[in-house]
Protein backbone atom coordinates (compact mmCIF):
# COMPACT_ATOMS: atom_id res chain seq x y z
CA MET A 1 3.89 158.23 -188.45
CA THR A 2 4.13 160.09 -191.80
CA THR A 3 6.99 162.56 -192.41
CA ARG A 4 7.66 165.37 -195.01
CA SER A 5 10.37 162.79 -196.49
CA SER A 6 7.80 159.93 -196.39
CA ILE A 7 5.61 162.18 -198.61
CA LYS A 8 7.69 162.99 -201.32
CA PHE A 9 9.23 159.60 -201.57
CA SER A 10 5.55 158.13 -202.13
CA PHE A 11 4.72 160.96 -204.57
CA ASP A 12 8.00 160.42 -206.68
CA PHE A 13 7.23 156.60 -206.62
CA LYS A 14 4.05 156.48 -207.64
CA ARG A 15 5.02 159.07 -210.39
CA ARG A 16 7.92 156.71 -211.73
CA LEU A 17 5.19 153.51 -212.04
CA PRO A 18 2.18 154.88 -214.12
CA ALA A 19 2.23 151.41 -215.51
CA LEU A 20 1.81 149.58 -212.39
CA SER A 21 -1.93 149.40 -212.47
CA ALA A 22 -3.02 145.84 -211.81
CA MET A 23 -3.36 145.10 -208.09
CA VAL A 24 -2.29 141.85 -208.41
CA PHE A 25 1.09 142.89 -209.32
CA THR A 26 1.47 146.05 -207.40
CA VAL A 27 1.03 144.54 -204.15
CA PRO A 28 3.61 141.68 -204.11
CA LEU A 29 6.37 144.48 -205.76
CA LEU A 30 5.72 147.37 -203.15
CA ALA A 31 5.66 144.41 -200.54
CA SER A 32 9.24 143.73 -201.46
CA ILE A 33 10.68 147.11 -201.26
CA PRO A 34 12.42 148.36 -197.91
CA SER A 35 10.65 150.73 -196.00
CA PHE A 36 12.84 153.83 -197.08
CA ALA A 37 11.15 156.47 -195.36
CA SER A 38 11.32 154.50 -191.80
CA ASP A 39 15.05 154.38 -192.85
CA ILE A 40 15.43 158.20 -192.46
CA PRO A 41 16.48 159.47 -189.33
CA ARG A 42 14.15 161.66 -187.62
CA ARG A 43 15.54 165.15 -187.08
CA PRO A 44 16.60 165.81 -183.47
CA ASN A 45 14.36 167.63 -180.61
CA ILE A 46 16.51 169.92 -179.21
CA VAL A 47 16.04 171.28 -175.71
CA ILE A 48 18.36 174.29 -174.44
CA ILE A 49 18.19 174.63 -170.68
CA LEU A 50 19.59 178.04 -169.63
CA GLY A 51 20.69 178.61 -165.74
CA ASP A 52 20.13 182.13 -164.71
CA ASP A 53 23.22 183.26 -162.81
CA LEU A 54 24.45 179.52 -162.64
CA GLY A 55 27.86 179.38 -161.79
CA PHE A 56 30.75 177.42 -163.79
CA ALA A 57 31.35 174.92 -160.28
CA ASP A 58 27.96 174.99 -159.37
CA MET A 59 26.77 171.33 -160.82
CA GLY A 60 28.14 168.58 -159.61
CA ALA A 61 29.83 167.17 -162.81
CA PHE A 62 31.84 170.59 -162.65
CA GLY A 63 33.18 170.28 -158.49
CA SER A 64 30.19 171.24 -156.78
CA GLU A 65 28.81 169.65 -153.07
CA ILE A 66 25.32 170.83 -154.69
CA LYS A 67 23.30 167.59 -155.61
CA THR A 68 22.52 167.80 -158.97
CA PRO A 69 22.08 164.46 -160.08
CA ASN A 70 19.54 165.08 -163.32
CA LEU A 71 22.34 167.63 -165.07
CA ASP A 72 25.06 165.05 -163.96
CA ALA A 73 23.43 162.70 -165.67
CA ILE A 74 23.18 164.60 -168.80
CA ALA A 75 26.87 165.19 -168.18
CA LYS A 76 27.50 161.69 -168.25
CA ASN A 77 25.82 160.99 -171.18
CA GLY A 78 27.49 163.52 -173.07
CA VAL A 79 30.51 165.88 -173.07
CA ARG A 80 31.23 168.51 -170.67
CA PHE A 81 33.43 171.86 -172.25
CA THR A 82 35.40 173.86 -169.66
CA ASN A 83 36.50 177.15 -172.10
CA PHE A 84 32.99 177.92 -173.09
CA TYR A 85 32.11 181.68 -173.24
CA THR A 86 29.14 183.59 -172.69
CA HIS A 87 28.37 187.76 -172.16
CA PRO A 88 29.32 189.03 -168.49
CA THR A 89 25.03 189.76 -167.96
CA SER A 90 22.25 188.15 -169.07
CA SER A 91 20.56 190.12 -171.72
CA PRO A 92 23.60 190.18 -173.90
CA THR A 93 24.09 186.39 -173.77
CA ARG A 94 19.90 185.90 -174.97
CA ALA A 95 21.03 187.87 -177.84
CA ALA A 96 23.73 186.15 -178.93
CA LEU A 97 22.08 183.20 -178.34
CA MET A 98 18.95 184.19 -180.41
CA SER A 99 20.47 185.75 -183.06
CA GLY A 100 24.25 184.30 -183.54
CA VAL A 101 25.60 187.92 -184.16
CA ASP A 102 27.21 190.29 -181.63
CA THR A 103 25.18 192.18 -179.24
CA HIS A 104 26.37 195.86 -180.76
CA VAL A 105 24.70 194.42 -183.65
CA SER A 106 21.42 192.82 -182.76
CA GLY A 107 20.40 195.72 -179.64
CA LEU A 108 21.86 194.77 -176.86
CA GLY A 109 25.76 196.69 -177.06
CA ASN A 110 24.34 197.46 -173.41
CA MET A 111 21.92 196.38 -171.41
CA ASP A 112 18.59 198.16 -171.92
CA GLU A 113 18.85 199.33 -168.03
CA TRP A 114 22.41 201.05 -168.52
CA ILE A 115 22.10 202.40 -172.16
CA ALA A 116 24.52 205.30 -171.77
CA PRO A 117 23.41 208.96 -172.80
CA ASN A 118 25.92 208.69 -175.84
CA GLN A 119 24.22 205.47 -176.65
CA GLN A 120 20.61 206.78 -176.86
CA GLY A 121 18.88 206.05 -180.34
CA ILE A 122 21.91 204.48 -182.00
CA SER A 123 21.20 200.84 -184.03
CA GLY A 124 22.25 198.02 -182.02
CA TYR A 125 22.05 199.73 -178.70
CA GLU A 126 17.66 199.54 -178.97
CA GLY A 127 17.90 197.52 -175.50
CA TYR A 128 16.15 195.02 -177.37
CA LEU A 129 16.49 192.36 -179.90
CA ASN A 130 16.38 194.45 -183.07
CA ASP A 131 14.61 193.94 -185.90
CA ARG A 132 17.54 194.00 -187.87
CA VAL A 133 18.46 190.19 -187.07
CA THR A 134 16.38 187.22 -187.37
CA THR A 135 16.36 184.71 -184.65
CA LEU A 136 16.86 180.58 -184.09
CA PRO A 137 13.29 179.74 -183.26
CA GLU A 138 11.95 181.99 -186.60
CA ILE A 139 14.44 179.92 -188.70
CA LEU A 140 13.34 176.50 -187.21
CA LYS A 141 10.04 177.31 -187.23
CA THR A 142 10.01 177.57 -191.19
CA SER A 143 12.10 174.43 -191.54
CA GLY A 144 9.75 172.41 -189.45
CA TYR A 145 10.15 172.48 -186.10
CA HIS A 146 7.62 173.74 -183.22
CA THR A 147 9.20 176.27 -180.90
CA TYR A 148 8.38 176.49 -177.50
CA MET A 149 9.89 178.95 -174.71
CA VAL A 150 9.48 179.03 -170.68
CA GLY A 151 11.00 181.55 -168.41
CA LYS A 152 12.36 184.58 -168.72
CA TRP A 153 12.89 186.35 -172.03
CA HIS A 154 14.80 189.98 -171.50
CA LEU A 155 14.37 190.95 -174.46
CA GLY A 156 11.95 193.46 -175.08
CA LYS A 157 8.30 194.06 -173.79
CA ALA A 158 6.48 195.47 -176.91
CA PRO A 159 4.39 193.59 -179.00
CA ASN A 160 6.81 193.03 -182.08
CA GLN A 161 9.44 192.27 -179.22
CA ILE A 162 8.14 189.41 -177.50
CA PRO A 163 8.99 185.67 -177.55
CA ALA A 164 5.81 185.28 -179.98
CA ALA A 165 6.61 187.95 -182.15
CA ARG A 166 10.64 186.17 -182.79
CA GLY A 167 9.58 182.80 -183.83
CA PHE A 168 8.03 180.75 -180.77
CA GLU A 169 4.91 178.97 -181.15
CA ARG A 170 3.93 178.65 -177.77
CA ASP A 171 5.30 180.41 -174.72
CA PHE A 172 5.05 181.28 -171.13
CA SER A 173 7.02 184.18 -170.18
CA LEU A 174 8.46 186.64 -168.19
CA LEU A 175 9.68 189.58 -170.01
CA ASP A 176 11.35 191.47 -167.05
CA GLY A 177 15.37 190.55 -166.18
CA ALA A 178 14.26 188.87 -162.55
CA GLY A 179 11.40 189.44 -160.12
CA SER A 180 9.45 187.16 -157.47
CA TYR A 181 8.97 183.53 -157.82
CA TRP A 182 5.86 183.62 -156.49
CA ASP A 183 3.67 186.37 -157.77
CA MET A 184 4.28 189.16 -160.10
CA THR A 185 5.95 191.60 -158.04
CA ASN A 186 8.78 193.62 -159.38
CA PHE A 187 11.88 195.62 -158.01
CA THR A 188 11.07 199.16 -158.55
CA GLY A 189 8.18 201.89 -157.75
CA ALA A 190 8.18 202.89 -161.34
CA SER A 191 7.99 199.16 -162.56
CA PRO A 192 5.73 197.48 -159.85
CA LYS A 193 4.91 194.35 -161.65
CA SER A 194 6.19 192.29 -163.66
CA VAL A 195 5.16 191.88 -167.36
CA PHE A 196 4.53 188.07 -168.47
CA THR A 197 2.94 186.85 -171.60
CA GLU A 198 1.58 183.13 -172.67
CA ASP A 199 1.05 182.46 -176.39
CA GLY A 200 1.41 185.81 -177.40
CA LYS A 201 -0.77 187.41 -175.16
CA TYR A 202 -0.02 189.43 -171.77
CA LEU A 203 -1.17 188.16 -168.58
CA THR A 204 -2.78 190.19 -165.92
CA GLU A 205 -2.56 187.43 -163.20
CA LEU A 206 -0.44 183.94 -162.88
CA PRO A 207 -1.59 180.34 -162.48
CA THR A 208 -3.22 180.18 -158.70
CA ASP A 209 -0.31 177.52 -157.95
CA TYR A 210 2.47 179.42 -159.61
CA TYR A 211 6.20 179.07 -158.66
CA ALA A 212 8.76 179.84 -161.11
CA THR A 213 10.85 177.08 -161.88
CA LYS A 214 8.04 174.54 -161.40
CA THR A 215 5.13 176.47 -163.67
CA TYR A 216 7.88 176.71 -166.55
CA THR A 217 8.28 173.35 -166.40
CA ASP A 218 4.66 172.13 -166.31
CA LYS A 219 3.93 174.49 -169.01
CA LEU A 220 6.68 173.09 -171.45
CA ILE A 221 5.64 169.48 -170.78
CA ASP A 222 2.07 170.69 -171.85
CA PHE A 223 3.44 172.10 -174.75
CA ILE A 224 5.25 169.22 -176.07
CA ASP A 225 2.17 166.81 -175.23
CA SER A 226 -0.33 169.35 -177.16
CA ASN A 227 1.74 168.57 -180.45
CA HIS A 228 3.25 165.30 -179.68
CA ASP A 229 0.86 163.27 -182.05
CA ASP A 230 2.28 165.11 -185.19
CA GLY A 231 5.62 163.70 -185.17
CA LYS A 232 7.18 167.29 -186.02
CA PRO A 233 10.27 167.66 -183.90
CA PHE A 234 10.64 170.52 -181.39
CA PHE A 235 12.93 173.27 -180.21
CA ALA A 236 12.57 174.04 -176.63
CA TYR A 237 14.12 177.03 -175.02
CA VAL A 238 13.85 176.50 -171.08
CA SER A 239 15.15 179.71 -169.72
CA GLN A 240 15.11 179.55 -166.24
CA GLN A 241 14.93 182.23 -163.65
CA ALA A 242 16.69 180.08 -161.06
CA PRO A 243 19.16 180.54 -159.45
CA HIS A 244 18.58 184.57 -159.88
CA ASP A 245 18.05 186.29 -156.75
CA PRO A 246 16.29 186.67 -155.14
CA TYR A 247 16.34 183.17 -153.28
CA HIS A 248 12.57 182.00 -153.58
CA LEU A 249 12.10 178.48 -152.67
CA PRO A 250 9.32 175.95 -151.44
CA GLU A 251 10.15 175.67 -147.88
CA GLU A 252 10.79 172.09 -147.95
CA TRP A 253 14.14 172.93 -150.41
CA ARG A 254 15.04 175.41 -148.05
CA SER A 255 16.89 173.43 -145.16
CA ARG A 256 19.07 170.82 -147.09
CA HIS A 257 22.35 172.19 -146.00
CA VAL A 258 21.75 173.17 -142.41
CA GLY A 259 25.22 174.45 -141.29
CA GLU A 260 27.16 172.95 -144.07
CA TYR A 261 28.21 176.49 -145.26
CA ASP A 262 29.70 177.97 -141.65
CA ILE A 263 32.86 176.81 -142.57
CA GLY A 264 33.13 179.58 -145.16
CA TRP A 265 33.64 180.50 -148.55
CA ASP A 266 37.54 179.76 -148.76
CA ALA A 267 37.42 176.40 -147.42
CA VAL A 268 34.37 175.68 -149.92
CA ARG A 269 36.18 176.84 -153.05
CA GLN A 270 39.25 174.79 -151.47
CA SER A 271 37.49 171.89 -151.72
CA ARG A 272 35.63 172.44 -155.01
CA LEU A 273 38.80 173.34 -156.83
CA LYS A 274 40.21 169.57 -155.34
CA ARG A 275 36.97 168.08 -157.26
CA GLN A 276 37.93 169.71 -160.12
CA ILE A 277 41.09 168.24 -160.58
CA GLU A 278 39.82 165.07 -159.58
CA LEU A 279 37.41 165.14 -162.05
CA GLY A 280 39.52 166.59 -164.80
CA ILE A 281 37.62 169.82 -165.24
CA THR A 282 40.89 171.69 -164.41
CA PRO A 283 44.53 170.67 -164.59
CA ALA A 284 46.38 169.61 -161.67
CA GLY A 285 48.38 172.28 -160.49
CA THR A 286 45.43 175.41 -161.05
CA GLU A 287 45.58 177.66 -158.34
CA LEU A 288 42.12 179.77 -156.97
CA SER A 289 41.97 183.10 -157.77
CA GLU A 290 42.63 185.65 -154.99
CA ARG A 291 39.76 186.37 -152.42
CA MET A 292 38.00 189.60 -153.29
CA TRP A 293 40.09 192.35 -151.38
CA PHE A 294 37.36 193.48 -149.78
CA LEU A 295 35.90 190.22 -148.52
CA PRO A 296 37.21 189.09 -145.14
CA ASP A 297 38.90 185.57 -144.07
CA PRO A 298 35.88 183.79 -142.76
CA ILE A 299 38.00 182.46 -139.89
CA THR A 300 37.98 185.43 -138.50
CA LEU A 301 33.99 186.33 -138.37
CA ALA A 302 31.97 185.29 -135.34
CA PRO A 303 30.14 181.98 -135.55
CA VAL A 304 27.05 183.84 -135.67
CA SER A 305 27.97 186.29 -138.92
CA ARG A 306 29.06 183.01 -140.52
CA ALA A 307 26.09 181.22 -139.52
CA LEU A 308 23.69 183.91 -141.26
CA LEU A 309 26.17 184.23 -144.06
CA GLY A 310 26.00 180.33 -144.61
CA LYS A 311 22.03 180.51 -144.38
CA LYS A 312 22.48 182.70 -147.78
CA MET A 313 24.55 180.09 -149.51
CA GLU A 314 22.30 177.09 -147.92
CA LEU A 315 19.16 178.61 -149.71
CA TYR A 316 21.02 179.04 -153.11
CA ALA A 317 22.12 175.64 -153.03
CA GLY A 318 18.25 174.83 -152.30
CA MET A 319 17.90 177.01 -155.24
CA VAL A 320 19.94 174.89 -157.69
CA GLU A 321 18.72 171.32 -156.27
CA ASN A 322 15.15 172.39 -157.11
CA LEU A 323 16.12 173.48 -160.65
CA ASP A 324 17.78 170.08 -160.88
CA PHE A 325 14.92 168.57 -159.76
CA HIS A 326 12.39 170.00 -162.47
CA VAL A 327 15.14 169.10 -164.77
CA GLY A 328 14.67 165.81 -163.86
CA ARG A 329 10.84 166.20 -164.47
CA LEU A 330 11.44 167.37 -167.78
CA VAL A 331 13.87 164.39 -168.84
CA ASP A 332 11.38 161.78 -167.20
CA HIS A 333 8.87 163.06 -169.37
CA LEU A 334 10.58 162.85 -172.35
CA LYS A 335 11.72 159.32 -171.51
CA GLN A 336 8.08 158.39 -170.67
CA ILE A 337 7.09 159.72 -174.39
CA GLY A 338 9.69 158.10 -176.31
CA GLU A 339 11.44 161.28 -177.24
CA TYR A 340 14.26 161.19 -174.79
CA GLU A 341 16.79 159.10 -177.04
CA ASN A 342 16.15 161.63 -179.94
CA THR A 343 16.72 164.96 -177.90
CA ILE A 344 19.80 166.97 -177.90
CA PHE A 345 20.46 168.58 -174.53
CA ILE A 346 22.60 172.08 -174.25
CA VAL A 347 22.97 173.06 -170.65
CA PHE A 348 24.87 176.10 -169.24
CA GLY A 349 24.40 179.72 -167.34
CA ASP A 350 24.00 182.88 -169.02
CA ASN A 351 26.77 184.65 -166.93
CA GLY A 352 28.86 184.70 -164.47
CA ALA A 353 27.32 184.14 -160.74
CA GLU A 354 25.98 187.43 -159.21
CA GLY A 355 28.32 188.92 -156.76
CA SER A 356 26.88 192.22 -156.65
CA ASP A 357 24.26 193.55 -154.36
CA LEU A 358 21.41 194.27 -156.88
CA PHE A 359 18.82 195.14 -154.45
CA LYS A 360 20.72 198.18 -152.81
CA MET A 361 21.43 199.11 -156.07
CA ILE A 362 17.61 199.02 -157.34
CA SER A 363 16.29 200.38 -153.79
CA GLY A 364 18.36 203.15 -153.74
CA SER A 365 18.86 205.25 -150.83
CA PRO A 366 16.31 206.28 -147.78
CA GLY A 367 13.63 208.26 -148.71
CA SER A 368 13.69 207.77 -152.36
CA ARG A 369 10.62 206.36 -154.07
CA ASP A 370 12.30 203.17 -154.68
CA PHE A 371 13.47 202.79 -151.26
CA LEU A 372 9.81 202.61 -149.85
CA PHE A 373 8.70 200.58 -152.62
CA ALA A 374 11.43 197.84 -151.32
CA ALA A 375 10.27 198.37 -147.73
CA MET A 376 6.60 197.71 -148.44
CA ASN A 377 7.12 195.00 -150.94
CA TRP A 378 10.03 193.15 -150.14
CA SER A 379 9.48 193.49 -146.00
CA GLN A 380 10.38 189.92 -145.04
CA THR A 381 13.65 190.43 -143.42
CA HIS A 382 14.39 188.30 -140.57
CA PRO A 383 16.52 185.02 -141.38
CA ASN A 384 13.34 182.57 -140.91
CA ALA A 385 11.63 184.05 -143.52
CA TRP A 386 14.08 183.96 -145.83
CA GLY A 387 13.04 182.06 -149.26
CA GLY A 388 9.79 182.70 -148.47
CA PRO A 389 7.02 185.54 -150.68
CA GLN A 390 8.38 189.18 -149.83
CA SER A 391 11.80 187.96 -148.92
CA TYR A 392 14.74 189.06 -150.78
CA VAL A 393 18.22 187.36 -150.11
CA ALA A 394 20.88 186.95 -152.44
CA TYR A 395 24.56 185.31 -151.67
CA GLY A 396 27.02 188.01 -152.36
CA PRO A 397 30.21 188.17 -153.21
CA MET A 398 32.01 185.65 -151.19
CA TRP A 399 29.80 183.09 -152.67
CA ALA A 400 29.93 183.86 -155.85
CA GLN A 401 33.46 183.65 -156.04
CA VAL A 402 32.29 179.73 -154.77
CA SER A 403 30.28 179.39 -157.49
CA MET A 404 32.86 180.72 -160.23
CA THR A 405 36.13 178.52 -158.53
CA PRO A 406 38.69 178.68 -159.57
CA PHE A 407 37.83 182.04 -161.49
CA SER A 408 38.37 185.71 -160.70
CA GLN A 409 35.40 187.88 -160.09
CA TYR A 410 32.25 187.60 -161.38
CA LYS A 411 28.70 188.54 -163.15
CA GLY A 412 29.68 191.96 -164.67
CA TRP A 413 32.80 191.92 -165.13
CA MET A 414 35.19 190.80 -168.22
CA ALA A 415 37.44 188.38 -165.78
CA GLU A 416 36.57 184.97 -166.36
CA GLY A 417 34.33 184.42 -163.48
CA GLY A 418 32.24 187.28 -165.31
CA ILE A 419 31.96 185.23 -169.00
CA ARG A 420 33.31 181.65 -168.73
CA ASN A 421 30.34 179.11 -168.06
CA ALA A 422 30.00 175.27 -167.45
CA LEU A 423 28.66 173.88 -170.88
CA ILE A 424 27.10 170.15 -171.47
CA VAL A 425 25.71 169.00 -174.50
CA SER A 426 24.16 165.40 -175.17
CA GLY A 427 22.10 163.71 -177.67
CA PRO A 428 22.27 162.26 -181.25
CA PRO A 429 24.71 164.41 -182.69
CA VAL A 430 27.55 163.82 -180.44
CA THR A 431 29.78 160.71 -180.91
CA ARG A 432 32.32 162.05 -178.72
CA PRO A 433 33.18 159.54 -175.61
CA LYS A 434 30.49 159.95 -173.16
CA GLY A 435 31.19 161.67 -169.89
CA SER A 436 34.34 162.97 -171.61
CA ILE A 437 35.90 166.45 -171.32
CA ASN A 438 36.91 168.96 -173.89
CA ASP A 439 38.80 172.21 -173.12
CA GLY A 440 38.18 173.51 -176.99
CA LEU A 441 37.54 177.41 -177.40
CA MET A 442 33.62 178.15 -177.73
CA HIS A 443 31.10 181.06 -177.70
CA VAL A 444 27.48 181.02 -177.07
CA ALA A 445 26.56 182.71 -180.73
CA ASP A 446 28.27 178.98 -181.78
CA ILE A 447 25.00 177.56 -180.56
CA MET A 448 22.68 179.21 -184.06
CA PRO A 449 25.12 177.80 -186.49
CA THR A 450 25.40 174.16 -184.89
CA LEU A 451 21.70 173.90 -184.41
CA LEU A 452 21.04 175.09 -187.70
CA GLU A 453 23.34 172.86 -189.08
CA ILE A 454 21.65 169.77 -187.07
CA ALA A 455 18.42 170.88 -188.27
CA GLY A 456 19.20 170.91 -191.71
CA ALA A 457 17.95 174.69 -191.68
CA THR A 458 19.99 177.60 -193.40
CA TYR A 459 20.88 180.89 -192.61
CA PRO A 460 19.26 183.75 -194.66
CA SER A 461 21.10 186.21 -196.40
CA LYS A 462 17.72 188.63 -196.30
CA ASP A 463 15.13 188.93 -193.92
CA LYS A 464 11.23 188.82 -195.04
CA GLU A 465 11.63 192.45 -196.40
CA GLY A 466 14.45 192.11 -198.45
CA HIS A 467 16.87 193.54 -196.09
CA ALA A 468 20.60 191.74 -195.83
CA LEU A 469 21.13 190.14 -192.64
CA PRO A 470 24.12 190.43 -190.65
CA PRO A 471 26.73 187.43 -190.79
CA LEU A 472 26.57 184.80 -188.01
CA ILE A 473 29.77 185.17 -186.02
CA GLY A 474 29.96 181.57 -184.44
CA LYS A 475 31.43 178.31 -185.57
CA SER A 476 29.32 175.30 -185.65
CA TRP A 477 30.24 172.57 -183.07
CA ASN A 478 29.44 169.76 -185.14
CA PRO A 479 32.98 168.93 -186.43
CA LEU A 480 33.93 169.17 -182.45
CA LEU A 481 30.69 167.00 -181.44
CA THR A 482 31.34 164.10 -184.00
CA ASN A 483 34.81 164.14 -182.70
CA LYS A 484 36.71 165.31 -185.91
CA VAL A 485 38.47 168.30 -184.30
CA ASP A 486 39.15 169.44 -180.86
CA SER A 487 38.00 172.81 -181.20
CA PRO A 488 35.77 174.74 -183.06
CA ARG A 489 38.35 177.41 -183.61
CA SER A 490 42.11 177.90 -184.95
CA LYS A 491 44.60 179.63 -182.76
CA GLN A 492 44.30 182.75 -185.18
CA ASP A 493 40.21 183.30 -184.31
CA TYR A 494 39.34 185.46 -181.82
CA LEU A 495 36.26 186.09 -179.40
CA ALA A 496 35.69 189.79 -178.07
CA TRP A 497 33.56 191.69 -175.56
CA GLU A 498 32.52 195.09 -174.60
CA ILE A 499 30.00 196.18 -172.14
CA PHE A 500 29.82 199.02 -169.31
CA GLY A 501 32.96 200.02 -171.20
CA ASN A 502 34.35 196.86 -169.57
CA ARG A 503 35.95 194.89 -172.84
CA ALA A 504 38.44 192.05 -173.48
CA VAL A 505 39.55 190.04 -176.33
CA ARG A 506 40.70 186.09 -176.21
CA GLN A 507 42.94 184.74 -178.73
CA GLY A 508 44.41 181.03 -177.95
CA ASP A 509 46.22 181.09 -175.05
CA TRP A 510 45.78 184.83 -174.47
CA LYS A 511 43.57 187.52 -173.00
CA LEU A 512 43.35 190.97 -173.54
CA ARG A 513 41.20 192.45 -170.62
CA TRP A 514 40.25 196.62 -169.76
CA GLN A 515 38.23 197.26 -166.63
CA TYR A 516 37.41 200.31 -164.15
CA LYS A 517 39.17 200.48 -161.07
CA PRO A 518 39.48 198.90 -158.48
CA PHE A 519 38.53 195.50 -160.53
CA GLY A 520 40.58 196.44 -162.93
CA THR A 521 43.56 198.54 -163.08
CA GLY A 522 41.85 201.24 -165.67
CA GLU A 523 44.74 199.84 -168.28
CA TRP A 524 44.90 197.13 -170.54
CA GLU A 525 45.91 193.74 -168.79
CA LEU A 526 47.16 191.06 -170.57
CA PHE A 527 46.95 187.36 -168.99
CA GLU A 528 47.88 183.58 -170.65
CA VAL A 529 44.77 182.29 -169.18
CA THR A 530 45.41 178.42 -170.15
CA LYS A 531 48.23 178.70 -167.98
CA ASP A 532 46.85 181.15 -164.97
CA PRO A 533 42.75 180.86 -165.47
CA ALA A 534 42.69 182.53 -162.20
CA GLU A 535 44.43 185.72 -164.02
CA ARG A 536 46.67 186.39 -161.22
CA LYS A 537 49.74 187.71 -163.25
CA ASN A 538 49.67 190.59 -165.60
CA LEU A 539 52.23 190.16 -168.28
CA ALA A 540 50.89 193.41 -170.10
CA ASN A 541 54.99 194.82 -169.35
CA ASP A 542 56.60 191.72 -169.71
CA ASN A 543 55.18 190.85 -173.44
CA PRO A 544 54.64 194.32 -175.64
CA GLU A 545 54.22 192.60 -179.06
CA LYS A 546 51.90 190.16 -177.85
CA LEU A 547 50.04 193.31 -176.20
CA LYS A 548 50.17 195.37 -179.60
CA SER A 549 48.72 192.20 -181.61
CA MET A 550 46.13 191.75 -179.51
CA LEU A 551 45.08 195.13 -179.41
CA VAL A 552 44.89 195.07 -182.83
CA LEU A 553 42.13 192.50 -182.52
CA TRP A 554 40.41 194.83 -180.48
CA ASP A 555 40.54 197.54 -183.18
CA ASP A 556 39.15 195.12 -185.81
CA PHE A 557 36.25 194.13 -183.09
CA VAL A 558 35.28 197.92 -182.55
CA LEU A 559 35.24 198.89 -186.48
CA LYS A 560 33.47 195.72 -187.57
CA ASN A 561 30.61 195.77 -184.82
CA HIS A 562 30.43 199.97 -184.69
CA VAL A 563 30.86 199.54 -180.49
CA ILE A 564 30.61 202.54 -179.03
CA LEU A 565 32.15 202.71 -175.59
CA PRO A 566 29.59 204.61 -172.72
CA SER A 567 29.88 207.82 -171.72
CA ARG A 568 28.53 206.54 -168.22
CA SER A 569 29.16 203.04 -166.36
CA PRO A 570 27.38 201.49 -163.51
CA PHE A 571 30.94 201.05 -162.31
CA GLU A 572 32.14 204.49 -162.62
CA THR A 573 32.29 205.47 -158.87
CA LEU A 574 33.44 202.09 -157.40
CA ASP A 575 37.13 203.21 -157.34
CA ASP A 576 35.85 206.09 -154.84
CA THR A 577 33.41 203.93 -152.75
CA MET A 578 35.08 201.02 -152.28
CA PRO A 579 38.06 199.93 -150.32
CA MET A 580 41.56 200.44 -152.00
CA ARG A 581 42.53 197.21 -153.54
CA VAL A 582 45.73 195.51 -151.85
CA PRO A 583 47.00 191.96 -152.37
CA VAL A 584 45.41 188.88 -150.08
CA ASP A 585 48.15 186.66 -148.86
CA PRO A 586 46.87 183.87 -146.53
CA GLY A 587 47.47 184.72 -142.64
CA PHE A 588 48.16 188.30 -143.02
CA PRO A 589 48.25 190.36 -140.85
CA PRO A 590 49.38 187.97 -138.21
CA LEU A 591 48.10 190.31 -135.45
CA ILE A 592 44.44 188.93 -135.96
CA TYR A 593 45.51 185.14 -136.46
CA LYS A 594 47.67 185.12 -133.09
CA LYS A 595 45.84 183.25 -130.71
CA GLN A 596 46.20 183.30 -126.72
CA PHE A 597 49.60 182.81 -125.48
CA ILE A 598 49.53 180.71 -122.73
CA PRO A 599 52.98 180.10 -120.87
CA PRO A 600 54.10 177.14 -119.30
CA LYS A 601 52.63 176.03 -115.84
CA ASN A 602 55.46 175.48 -113.94
CA LEU A 603 56.04 179.34 -114.75
CA ILE A 604 52.70 180.61 -113.49
CA GLU A 605 52.75 182.10 -110.28
CA GLY A 606 50.45 180.38 -107.71
CA VAL A 607 50.07 177.33 -109.73
CA LYS A 608 51.53 173.96 -107.76
CA ASN A 609 53.60 171.46 -109.95
C-alpha cells in the first residue's frame, strides 16, 4: 500500500542520492535501509454512532436491563464518560457536532420547526447549517479522508445544504427530523413525504427491502468497501433514526421483553440506578429525581393499563436492541476487512429521551388537516399492530424518565435529563485503562477539535471565499484520552445553552437554569449538580453570590453568540394546560395505598372459632 507519506519519502530519498546509479550498488544499499514508510502509523478511521433520542441509561454499560452487547463491547474496549453534554434537541446537537461552534452562530439558534417571529431572517437562526461555518467532513475530506454519512441529517434540505454539499463524499440520508422506518411517510399534510438523498441526488423511492436501521448499515458497509483498496482512512457518520419514535421494528424484534415492564417505571428506574452505582456510573448515595408530578404511581394502575404502557417500553427496548445488532454488523465487518483495530468509535445520543407527545403535537385537533392526515396514514392503532407500518407508538414521559435515570426531565428541557448523555470513546488514541469511567466535563462541540487533531488536520481561519470563520468553542479531548488530564475543562471554563427560551450555564460543580413553568419556575434556579445530579434542591436563595457570578457568565454567552430569546415558544402555554406542580412524596396520599381492612376472625359475627 502506498501512502502520501511513503510517496514523499521515496521522492526525497532519490533526490538526495543522484550518484547511486549502478544497480549493483543500489540494490544492496536499499535492501539494508529500514522501511520507514511502513513504520509511519496510518491515520485512524473514525466512526461516530449517534442514537436519536437514546437515553443516558439505555445501554447495558450505563445500567440498563436492555441487552446491548455490541455497544457494551465498545465500552469495554474504551472509556465511558458520564459528564458529557449535548443540546436538548436534535438539530442543534447535530449542528454543533458538524461545525464545532455555538448553535446561535451556525444557524440552529432555534430548530427550523420552531423559529420564533422575532428570530425570522436573523443570522444564526436560518434553521439549517449556514454557510458561515465549515464542517468536520469538509476539513477531513481535504485532509485525505473518505467521508461517508448514513441516516438522519436534519440540517437543511436545499441543494446547498444537503450532506453532499457539506463535505460528504457518499451519503444515504433522511433529511427530515423523523418519519416512518418502512417508507417515505412523513407526519403532516403540508409535508406528507420524507425527503431522502443518496450521493447528492434526491430519491423518488427507497430500496424494496428498506428498513431504516438495516438499510443505513448496509449502505455504509458498501461505501467503506467501495474505496477500501486505496488505503485512505475514512470518516463515517452513522446517524441512526433509532430509537426515535415512531417505534417501528421487524416483527421478530417486537416480543423480546413481553411482560418485563409491567412492574412499572418506578421499579425499573430504581433497578437501573442500583446497577449504575454498582458499575460506578453514579456514586453511591445518588438519589433519583422525583417522578414527574403529573405521572401516576404505577402501583395504582389497573393491570391492563400497566401491561399496555409496558408494551410501549417493550417496543422501545426492541428498538435499542435492534440498533445494537446493526452496530455489531458494522463492527464485525470492520474486523473482517482488517480495519477494526485502526478505528476510533464515538458513541452517544443526540439529546435526552423523548418524553413529549410528538404525535399529538403534529396531528393537532380533530377537524384539522393534519389530524385527517394522521388518521389516514398512521391508522394502525391496535396494540397487536404496534411496531408495524402505519402504527405510531411512543413511550411517554414515564419511560423517558427511566431512559434518563437518575436525572430530572427529558428532551427539550435544560434539566440534566434533557442535555446530559452517555458517551463511549474507544480506539487507537485512547490510552486510558480499558473499561474505565471518567467524569470530566465534556461537550458535543469538543468532537471537532478532537478529531481534527487526531487526523492531523487544521481548522482554517477563513472559508474558500476568504471570509473569516468563527472560532471553535470546544476543547480537544486528546489530553484526556491519553490519560494526561482528567477533564478537558478547568473549573473556570463554562458551557451554556439556550433553545425555545429555556437556558442554562454549567461551570465546575454548579449549574444555572431557567425554564418555563411548570417544568421550571420561570426564574433562575441554581444547583450543585456534582452533589445533586437529580436537581432536587434549588440553592439560588442560599447562594446569592454564586447566582450573581453565574449570571455574569450567561450575559457573556449572550453577547458572544448574539442570542435572541424567542418571542414564542412551544412551551408557552404549558403552565395553563398541565396540572399544577406539586411535590411527589412516596405513599402520598395514604388514601389510595390503604388496603382493605380485615378484622380478626374471632370478632366477625357468624364465624366460628
